[in-house]
C-alpha atoms as a PDB file:
ATOM      1  CA  ASP A   1       4.339  -0.554  15.350  1.00  0.00           C
ATOM      2  CA  LYS A   2       4.903   0.717  11.487  1.00  0.00           C
ATOM      3  CA  SER A   3       8.424   0.111  11.635  1.00  0.00           C
ATOM      4  CA  ASN A   4       8.213  -3.750  11.516  1.00  0.00           C
ATOM      5  CA  MET A   5       5.419  -3.903   8.503  1.00  0.00           C
ATOM      6  CA  ASP A   6       6.394  -4.083   4.958  1.00  0.00           C
ATOM      7  CA  ILE A   7       4.299  -1.019   3.017  1.00  0.00           C
ATOM      8  CA  ASP A   8       4.071  -0.976  -0.594  1.00  0.00           C
ATOM      9  CA  PHE A   9       2.002   1.460  -2.476  1.00  0.00           C
ATOM     10  CA  ILE A  10       1.437  -0.437  -5.841  1.00  0.00           C
ATOM     11  CA  HIS A  11      -0.734   2.949  -7.093  1.00  0.00           C
ATOM     12  CA  GLY A  12       2.054   5.086  -6.100  1.00  0.00           C
ATOM     13  CA  LYS A  13       1.884   7.600  -3.051  1.00  0.00           C
ATOM     14  CA  ALA A  14       0.183  10.775  -3.269  1.00  0.00           C
ATOM     15  CA  ASN A  15       1.844  13.733  -2.521  1.00  0.00           C
ATOM     16  CA  LYS A  16       0.802  17.362  -2.983  1.00  0.00           C
ATOM     17  CA  ASP A  17       4.056  18.916  -3.366  1.00  0.00           C
ATOM     18  CA  LEU A  18       4.965  17.005  -6.693  1.00  0.00           C
ATOM     19  CA  GLU A  19       4.058  18.514 -10.276  1.00  0.00           C
ATOM     20  CA  ILE A  20       2.196  16.656 -12.565  1.00  0.00           C
ATOM     21  CA  GLU A  21       5.641  15.592 -14.246  1.00  0.00           C
ATOM     22  CA  LYS A  22       6.853  13.860 -10.826  1.00  0.00           C
ATOM     23  CA  ASN A  23       3.676  12.555  -9.274  1.00  0.00           C
ATOM     24  CA  ASN A  24       3.929   8.852  -9.685  1.00  0.00           C
ATOM     25  CA  MET A  25       0.205   8.257  -8.730  1.00  0.00           C
ATOM     26  CA  VAL A  26      -1.071   5.051 -11.249  1.00  0.00           C
ATOM     27  CA  LEU A  27      -4.928   5.576 -12.280  1.00  0.00           C
ATOM     28  CA  GLY A  28      -5.880   3.065 -15.562  1.00  0.00           C
ATOM     29  CA  ILE A  29      -7.621   1.096 -17.639  1.00  0.00           C
ATOM     30  CA  ASP A  30      -8.611  -2.478 -17.598  1.00  0.00           C
ATOM     31  CA  GLU A  31      -7.894  -4.561 -21.128  1.00  0.00           C
ATOM     32  CA  PHE A  32     -10.184  -4.326 -23.807  1.00  0.00           C
ATOM     33  CA  LEU A  33      -8.659  -5.914 -26.768  1.00  0.00           C
ATOM     34  CA  PRO A  34      -8.992  -9.488 -27.523  1.00  0.00           C
ATOM     35  CA  ALA A  35      -5.486 -11.330 -26.246  1.00  0.00           C
ATOM     36  CA  GLU A  36      -4.306 -11.668 -30.130  1.00  0.00           C
ATOM     37  CA  LYS A  37      -4.766  -8.011 -30.535  1.00  0.00           C
ATOM     38  CA  GLN A  38      -2.802  -6.681 -26.911  1.00  0.00           C
ATOM     39  CA  ASN A  39       0.729  -6.619 -28.031  1.00  0.00           C
ATOM     40  CA  ILE A  40      -0.036  -5.223 -31.816  1.00  0.00           C
ATOM     41  CA  ASN A  41      -2.538  -2.288 -30.696  1.00  0.00           C
ATOM     42  CA  VAL A  42      -0.701  -0.774 -28.323  1.00  0.00           C
ATOM     43  CA  GLU A  43      -1.747   3.021 -28.918  1.00  0.00           C
ATOM     44  CA  PHE A  44      -3.915   3.280 -25.439  1.00  0.00           C
ATOM     45  CA  VAL A  45      -1.174   1.215 -23.700  1.00  0.00           C
ATOM     46  CA  GLU A  46      -0.392   4.155 -21.554  1.00  0.00           C
ATOM     47  CA  PHE A  47      -3.566   4.018 -19.913  1.00  0.00           C
ATOM     48  CA  LYS A  48      -2.937   0.587 -18.615  1.00  0.00           C
ATOM     49  CA  LYS A  49      -2.063   0.765 -15.208  1.00  0.00           C
ATOM     50  CA  PHE A  50       1.057  -1.981 -15.937  1.00  0.00           C
ATOM     51  CA  TYR A  51       2.459   0.622 -18.048  1.00  0.00           C
ATOM     52  CA  GLN A  52       2.187   3.452 -15.491  1.00  0.00           C
ATOM     53  CA  ARG A  53       3.940   1.076 -12.657  1.00  0.00           C
ATOM     54  CA  ILE A  54       6.789   0.576 -15.123  1.00  0.00           C
ATOM     55  CA  TYR A  55       6.692   4.224 -16.508  1.00  0.00           C
ATOM     56  CA  LYS A  56       6.276   6.131 -13.339  1.00  0.00           C
ATOM     57  CA  SER A  57       8.679   3.497 -11.299  1.00  0.00           C
ATOM     58  CA  THR A  58       6.190   2.668  -8.707  1.00  0.00           C
ATOM     59  CA  ASP A  59       7.179   0.551  -5.618  1.00  0.00           C
ATOM     60  CA  SER A  60       7.522  -3.108  -6.699  1.00  0.00           C
ATOM     61  CA  THR A  61       8.046  -4.625  -3.035  1.00  0.00           C
ATOM     62  CA  TYR A  62       5.195  -6.784  -3.421  1.00  0.00           C
ATOM     63  CA  MET A  63       7.104  -9.026  -6.245  1.00  0.00           C
ATOM     64  CA  LYS A  64       9.815  -9.892  -3.317  1.00  0.00           C
ATOM     65  CA  TRP A  65       6.486 -10.674  -0.868  1.00  0.00           C
ATOM     66  CA  VAL A  66       5.910 -12.847  -3.756  1.00  0.00           C
ATOM     67  CA  GLU A  67       8.985 -14.751  -4.157  1.00  0.00           C
ATOM     68  CA  GLN A  68       9.089 -15.065  -0.303  1.00  0.00           C
ATOM     69  CA  ILE A  69       5.382 -16.428  -0.373  1.00  0.00           C
ATOM     70  CA  LYS A  70       6.473 -19.685  -2.578  1.00  0.00           C
ATOM     71  CA  LYS A  71       9.939 -19.799  -1.309  1.00  0.00           C
ATOM     72  CA  TYR A  72       8.405 -20.522   1.992  1.00  0.00           C
ATOM     73  CA  PRO A  73       5.132 -22.009   1.999  1.00  0.00           C
ATOM     74  CA  GLU A  74       5.268 -23.283   5.428  1.00  0.00           C
ATOM     75  CA  VAL A  75       5.729 -19.694   6.967  1.00  0.00           C
ATOM     76  CA  ASN A  76       2.171 -17.991   7.079  1.00  0.00           C
ATOM     77  CA  HIS A  77       2.223 -14.493   5.623  1.00  0.00           C
ATOM     78  CA  ASN A  78      -0.287 -11.616   6.572  1.00  0.00           C
ATOM     79  CA  LEU A  79      -1.610  -9.233   4.208  1.00  0.00           C
ATOM     80  CA  PHE A  80      -3.606  -6.233   5.043  1.00  0.00           C
ATOM     81  CA  ILE A  81      -5.148  -4.352   2.446  1.00  0.00           C
ATOM     82  CA  PHE A  82      -6.562  -0.765   3.265  1.00  0.00           C
ATOM     83  CA  GLY A  83      -8.943   1.483   0.868  1.00  0.00           C
ATOM     84  CA  HIS A  84      -8.498  -0.908  -2.119  1.00  0.00           C
ATOM     85  CA  SER A  85     -11.400  -1.251  -4.231  1.00  0.00           C
ATOM     86  CA  LEU A  86     -10.037  -4.531  -5.423  1.00  0.00           C
ATOM     87  CA  ASP A  87     -10.690  -3.741  -8.843  1.00  0.00           C
ATOM     88  CA  LYS A  88      -9.770  -6.051 -11.474  1.00  0.00           C
ATOM     89  CA  THR A  89      -7.153  -3.706 -13.397  1.00  0.00           C
ATOM     90  CA  ASP A  90      -4.954  -4.778 -10.549  1.00  0.00           C
ATOM     91  CA  ARG A  91      -6.075  -8.568 -10.968  1.00  0.00           C
ATOM     92  CA  ASP A  92      -2.135  -9.251 -11.576  1.00  0.00           C
ATOM     93  CA  ILE A  93      -0.849  -8.156  -8.165  1.00  0.00           C
ATOM     94  CA  LEU A  94      -3.911  -8.962  -6.196  1.00  0.00           C
ATOM     95  CA  LYS A  95      -4.275 -12.487  -7.253  1.00  0.00           C
ATOM     96  CA  LEU A  96      -0.084 -13.095  -6.781  1.00  0.00           C
ATOM     97  CA  LEU A  97      -0.639 -11.955  -3.403  1.00  0.00           C
ATOM     98  CA  ILE A  98      -4.168 -12.982  -2.276  1.00  0.00           C
ATOM     99  CA  CYS A  99      -4.397 -16.495  -3.950  1.00  0.00           C
ATOM    100  CA  ASN A 100      -1.915 -18.502  -1.798  1.00  0.00           C
ATOM    101  CA  ASP A 101      -2.787 -21.215   1.025  1.00  0.00           C
ATOM    102  CA  ASN A 102      -0.062 -19.451   3.430  1.00  0.00           C
ATOM    103  CA  VAL A 103      -1.283 -15.931   3.169  1.00  0.00           C
ATOM    104  CA  THR A 104      -4.213 -14.736   5.340  1.00  0.00           C
ATOM    105  CA  THR A 105      -5.591 -11.746   4.054  1.00  0.00           C
ATOM    106  CA  LYS A 106      -7.432  -9.240   6.055  1.00  0.00           C
ATOM    107  CA  ILE A 107      -9.380  -6.280   3.928  1.00  0.00           C
ATOM    108  CA  TYR A 108     -10.673  -3.468   5.263  1.00  0.00           C
ATOM    109  CA  TYR A 109     -13.355  -1.566   4.356  1.00  0.00           C
ATOM    110  CA  TYR A 110     -15.067   1.864   4.939  1.00  0.00           C
ATOM    111  CA  ARG A 111     -19.074   1.525   6.071  1.00  0.00           C
ATOM    112  CA  LYS A 112     -21.259   4.632   7.203  1.00  0.00           C
ATOM    113  CA  ASN A 113     -22.668   2.822  10.204  1.00  0.00           C
ATOM    114  CA  LYS A 114     -23.115  -0.897  11.437  1.00  0.00           C
ATOM    115  CA  ASN A 115     -25.461  -2.050   8.771  1.00  0.00           C
ATOM    116  CA  ASP A 116     -24.037  -0.107   5.826  1.00  0.00           C
ATOM    117  CA  LYS A 117     -22.749  -3.709   3.375  1.00  0.00           C
ATOM    118  CA  LYS A 118     -22.877  -1.400   0.088  1.00  0.00           C
ATOM    119  CA  GLU A 119     -18.660  -1.126   0.105  1.00  0.00           C
ATOM    120  CA  LEU A 120     -18.561  -5.127   1.477  1.00  0.00           C
ATOM    121  CA  GLY A 121     -21.113  -6.047  -1.506  1.00  0.00           C
ATOM    122  CA  LYS A 122     -18.686  -4.073  -4.088  1.00  0.00           C
ATOM    123  CA  LEU A 123     -15.561  -5.687  -2.991  1.00  0.00           C
ATOM    124  CA  ILE A 124     -17.170  -9.256  -2.968  1.00  0.00           C
ATOM    125  CA  LYS A 125     -18.199  -8.498  -6.536  1.00  0.00           C
ATOM    126  CA  ASN A 126     -14.738  -7.382  -7.722  1.00  0.00           C
ATOM    127  CA  LEU A 127     -13.116 -10.442  -5.973  1.00  0.00           C
ATOM    128  CA  VAL A 128     -15.038 -12.863  -8.039  1.00  0.00           C
ATOM    129  CA  ARG A 129     -13.932 -11.091 -11.148  1.00  0.00           C
ATOM    130  CA  ILE A 130     -10.324 -11.304  -9.797  1.00  0.00           C
ATOM    131  CA  MET A 131     -10.362 -15.209  -8.726  1.00  0.00           C
ATOM    132  CA  GLY A 132     -13.456 -16.677  -9.725  1.00  0.00           C
ATOM    133  CA  GLN A 133     -16.487 -17.615  -7.288  1.00  0.00           C
ATOM    134  CA  ASP A 134     -15.339 -21.047  -6.329  1.00  0.00           C
ATOM    135  CA  GLU A 135     -12.084 -19.535  -5.198  1.00  0.00           C
ATOM    136  CA  LEU A 136     -13.616 -17.023  -3.017  1.00  0.00           C
ATOM    137  CA  ILE A 137     -15.872 -19.330  -1.606  1.00  0.00           C
ATOM    138  CA  SER A 138     -13.317 -21.389  -0.091  1.00  0.00           C
ATOM    139  CA  ARG A 139     -11.079 -18.652   1.153  1.00  0.00           C
ATOM    140  CA  THR A 140     -13.893 -16.605   2.960  1.00  0.00           C
ATOM    141  CA  MET A 141     -16.124 -19.429   3.887  1.00  0.00           C
ATOM    142  CA  GLY A 142     -14.041 -22.976   3.941  1.00  0.00           C
ATOM    143  CA  GLU A 143     -12.168 -24.824   6.702  1.00  0.00           C
ATOM    144  CA  HIS A 144      -9.225 -23.202   5.575  1.00  0.00           C
ATOM    145  CA  LYS A 145     -10.321 -19.627   5.560  1.00  0.00           C
ATOM    146  CA  THR A 146      -7.671 -16.982   4.139  1.00  0.00           C
ATOM    147  CA  ILE A 147      -9.605 -13.968   3.580  1.00  0.00           C
ATOM    148  CA  GLU A 148     -11.632 -11.619   5.876  1.00  0.00           C
ATOM    149  CA  PHE A 149     -13.091  -8.898   5.752  1.00  0.00           C
ATOM    150  CA  ILE A 150     -13.018  -6.122   8.250  1.00  0.00           C
ATOM    151  CA  PRO A 151     -15.086  -3.055   8.278  1.00  0.00           C
ATOM    152  CA  GLN A 152     -14.342   0.281   9.362  1.00  0.00           C
ATOM    153  CA  THR A 153     -16.728   2.996  10.864  1.00  0.00           C
ATOM    154  CA  VAL A 154     -15.973   6.438  11.328  1.00  0.00           C
ATOM    155  CA  PHE A 155     -18.006   7.928  14.552  1.00  0.00           C
ATOM    156  CA  VAL A 156     -17.959  11.857  14.534  1.00  0.00           C
ATOM    157  CA  ALA A 157     -18.757  13.577  18.038  1.00  0.00           C
ATOM    158  CA  LYS A 158     -21.601  15.895  18.133  1.00  0.00           C
ATOM    159  CA  ASN A 159     -20.831  18.912  19.413  1.00  0.00           C
ATOM    160  CA  ASN A 160     -23.755  20.275  21.279  1.00  0.00           C
END
Protein backbone atom coordinates (compact mmCIF):
# COMPACT_ATOMS: atom_id res chain seq x y z
CA ASP A 1 0.00 0.00 0.00
CA LYS A 2 1.65 3.17 -1.25
CA SER A 3 -0.15 5.32 1.33
CA ASN A 4 2.07 4.20 4.24
CA MET A 5 5.35 4.54 2.37
CA ASP A 6 7.55 7.59 2.27
CA ILE A 7 8.92 8.10 -1.23
CA ASP A 8 11.71 10.50 -2.14
CA PHE A 9 12.55 11.29 -5.74
CA ILE A 10 16.18 12.28 -5.14
CA HIS A 11 16.70 12.90 -8.87
CA GLY A 12 13.48 14.80 -9.31
CA LYS A 13 10.44 13.41 -11.02
CA ALA A 14 9.89 13.00 -14.75
CA ASN A 15 6.92 14.97 -16.00
CA LYS A 16 6.32 15.19 -19.74
CA ASP A 17 4.00 18.16 -19.26
CA LEU A 18 6.68 20.45 -17.84
CA GLU A 19 8.85 22.65 -20.01
CA ILE A 20 12.64 22.45 -19.47
CA GLU A 21 12.77 25.46 -17.12
CA LYS A 22 10.34 23.85 -14.67
CA ASN A 23 11.68 20.28 -14.93
CA ASN A 24 13.50 19.20 -11.78
CA MET A 25 15.34 16.14 -13.12
CA VAL A 26 18.88 15.83 -11.75
CA LEU A 27 21.56 14.46 -14.08
CA GLY A 28 25.12 15.23 -13.16
CA ILE A 29 28.82 14.47 -13.11
CA ASP A 30 31.16 13.39 -10.35
CA GLU A 31 33.79 15.65 -8.78
CA PHE A 32 36.89 15.82 -10.96
CA LEU A 33 39.00 18.37 -9.08
CA PRO A 34 41.35 17.74 -6.16
CA ALA A 35 39.89 18.74 -2.77
CA GLU A 36 41.86 21.97 -2.50
CA LYS A 37 40.39 23.28 -5.79
CA GLN A 38 36.73 22.13 -5.47
CA ASN A 39 35.53 25.32 -3.75
CA ILE A 40 37.64 27.66 -5.88
CA ASN A 41 37.15 26.42 -9.46
CA VAL A 42 33.37 26.41 -9.73
CA GLU A 43 32.85 27.00 -13.46
CA PHE A 44 31.30 23.51 -13.92
CA VAL A 45 29.50 23.29 -10.55
CA GLU A 46 26.07 23.49 -12.22
CA PHE A 47 26.74 20.07 -13.78
CA LYS A 48 27.16 18.40 -10.38
CA LYS A 49 24.23 16.64 -8.75
CA PHE A 50 24.43 18.42 -5.38
CA TYR A 51 24.16 21.79 -7.16
CA GLN A 52 21.18 20.65 -9.24
CA ARG A 53 19.40 19.22 -6.18
CA ILE A 54 19.66 22.63 -4.50
CA TYR A 55 18.98 24.72 -7.62
CA LYS A 56 15.98 22.64 -8.76
CA SER A 57 14.60 22.17 -5.24
CA THR A 58 14.30 18.41 -5.47
CA ASP A 59 12.74 16.49 -2.63
CA SER A 60 15.03 16.12 0.38
CA THR A 61 12.83 13.87 2.50
CA TYR A 62 15.84 11.56 2.79
CA MET A 63 17.46 14.02 5.23
CA LYS A 64 14.50 13.58 7.61
CA TRP A 65 14.95 9.82 7.25
CA VAL A 66 18.64 10.11 8.14
CA GLU A 67 17.75 12.14 11.25
CA GLN A 68 15.24 9.44 12.31
CA ILE A 69 17.74 6.65 11.64
CA LYS A 70 20.34 8.35 13.85
CA LYS A 71 17.84 9.43 16.53
CA TYR A 72 16.31 5.96 16.94
CA PRO A 73 19.11 3.38 16.57
CA GLU A 74 16.95 0.69 18.23
CA VAL A 75 14.35 0.91 15.43
CA ASN A 76 14.92 -1.08 12.24
CA HIS A 77 14.32 1.05 9.15
CA ASN A 78 13.61 -0.40 5.70
CA LEU A 79 15.06 1.18 2.58
CA PHE A 80 13.86 0.04 -0.85
CA ILE A 81 15.82 1.14 -3.93
CA PHE A 82 14.27 0.69 -7.37
CA GLY A 83 15.91 1.37 -10.72
CA HIS A 84 18.91 3.25 -9.39
CA SER A 85 22.43 2.81 -10.75
CA LEU A 86 23.98 3.45 -7.31
CA ASP A 87 26.56 5.57 -9.08
CA LYS A 88 29.27 7.31 -7.06
CA THR A 89 27.75 10.67 -8.05
CA ASP A 90 25.07 9.84 -5.46
CA ARG A 91 27.57 8.72 -2.81
CA ASP A 92 26.59 11.51 -0.40
CA ILE A 93 22.96 10.39 -0.17
CA LEU A 94 23.36 6.63 -0.52
CA LYS A 95 26.07 6.29 2.13
CA LEU A 96 24.01 8.30 4.64
CA LEU A 97 21.09 5.93 4.17
CA ILE A 98 22.65 2.50 3.59
CA CYS A 99 25.61 2.52 6.00
CA ASN A 100 23.62 2.19 9.21
CA ASP A 101 23.27 -0.98 11.28
CA ASN A 102 19.57 -0.25 11.82
CA VAL A 103 18.74 0.05 8.10
CA THR A 104 17.79 -2.97 6.00
CA THR A 105 18.30 -2.14 2.33
CA LYS A 106 16.62 -4.02 -0.50
CA ILE A 107 17.99 -3.13 -3.92
CA TYR A 108 15.75 -4.16 -6.81
CA TYR A 109 17.45 -4.55 -10.17
CA TYR A 110 16.46 -5.62 -13.68
CA ARG A 111 17.63 -8.82 -15.32
CA LYS A 112 16.75 -10.10 -18.78
CA ASN A 113 16.45 -13.71 -17.65
CA LYS A 114 17.21 -15.97 -14.68
CA ASN A 115 20.93 -16.21 -15.51
CA ASP A 116 21.55 -12.53 -16.35
CA LYS A 117 23.83 -10.94 -13.74
CA LYS A 118 25.14 -8.01 -15.80
CA GLU A 119 23.21 -5.33 -13.87
CA LEU A 120 23.97 -6.98 -10.51
CA GLY A 121 27.68 -6.82 -11.33
CA LYS A 122 27.42 -3.08 -12.08
CA LEU A 123 25.57 -2.42 -8.82
CA ILE A 124 28.17 -4.30 -6.78
CA LYS A 125 31.03 -2.34 -8.41
CA ASN A 126 29.23 0.94 -7.76
CA LEU A 127 28.63 0.09 -4.10
CA VAL A 128 32.35 -0.70 -3.69
CA ARG A 129 33.06 2.82 -4.95
CA ILE A 130 30.54 4.26 -2.48
CA MET A 131 31.34 2.38 0.73
CA GLY A 132 34.45 0.29 0.10
CA GLN A 133 34.70 -3.46 -0.27
CA ASP A 134 35.03 -4.30 3.44
CA GLU A 135 31.82 -2.45 4.30
CA LEU A 136 29.99 -4.02 1.35
CA ILE A 137 31.13 -7.52 2.28
CA SER A 138 29.99 -7.16 5.88
CA ARG A 139 26.62 -5.75 4.82
CA THR A 140 25.89 -8.41 2.17
CA MET A 141 27.48 -11.56 3.59
CA GLY A 142 28.07 -11.06 7.27
CA GLU A 143 26.16 -12.21 10.31
CA HIS A 144 24.36 -8.86 10.42
CA LYS A 145 23.52 -8.69 6.72
CA THR A 146 21.76 -5.40 5.92
CA ILE A 147 21.81 -5.31 2.09
CA GLU A 148 19.90 -7.64 -0.20
CA PHE A 149 19.83 -7.59 -4.00
CA ILE A 150 16.48 -8.62 -5.47
CA PRO A 151 16.28 -9.42 -9.20
CA GLN A 152 13.28 -8.35 -11.23
CA THR A 153 12.57 -10.10 -14.52
CA VAL A 154 9.90 -8.95 -16.95
CA PHE A 155 8.16 -11.88 -18.58
CA VAL A 156 6.48 -11.13 -21.87
CA ALA A 157 3.65 -13.41 -22.92
CA LYS A 158 4.06 -14.67 -26.48
CA ASN A 159 1.04 -14.30 -28.74
CA ASN A 160 0.35 -17.22 -31.05
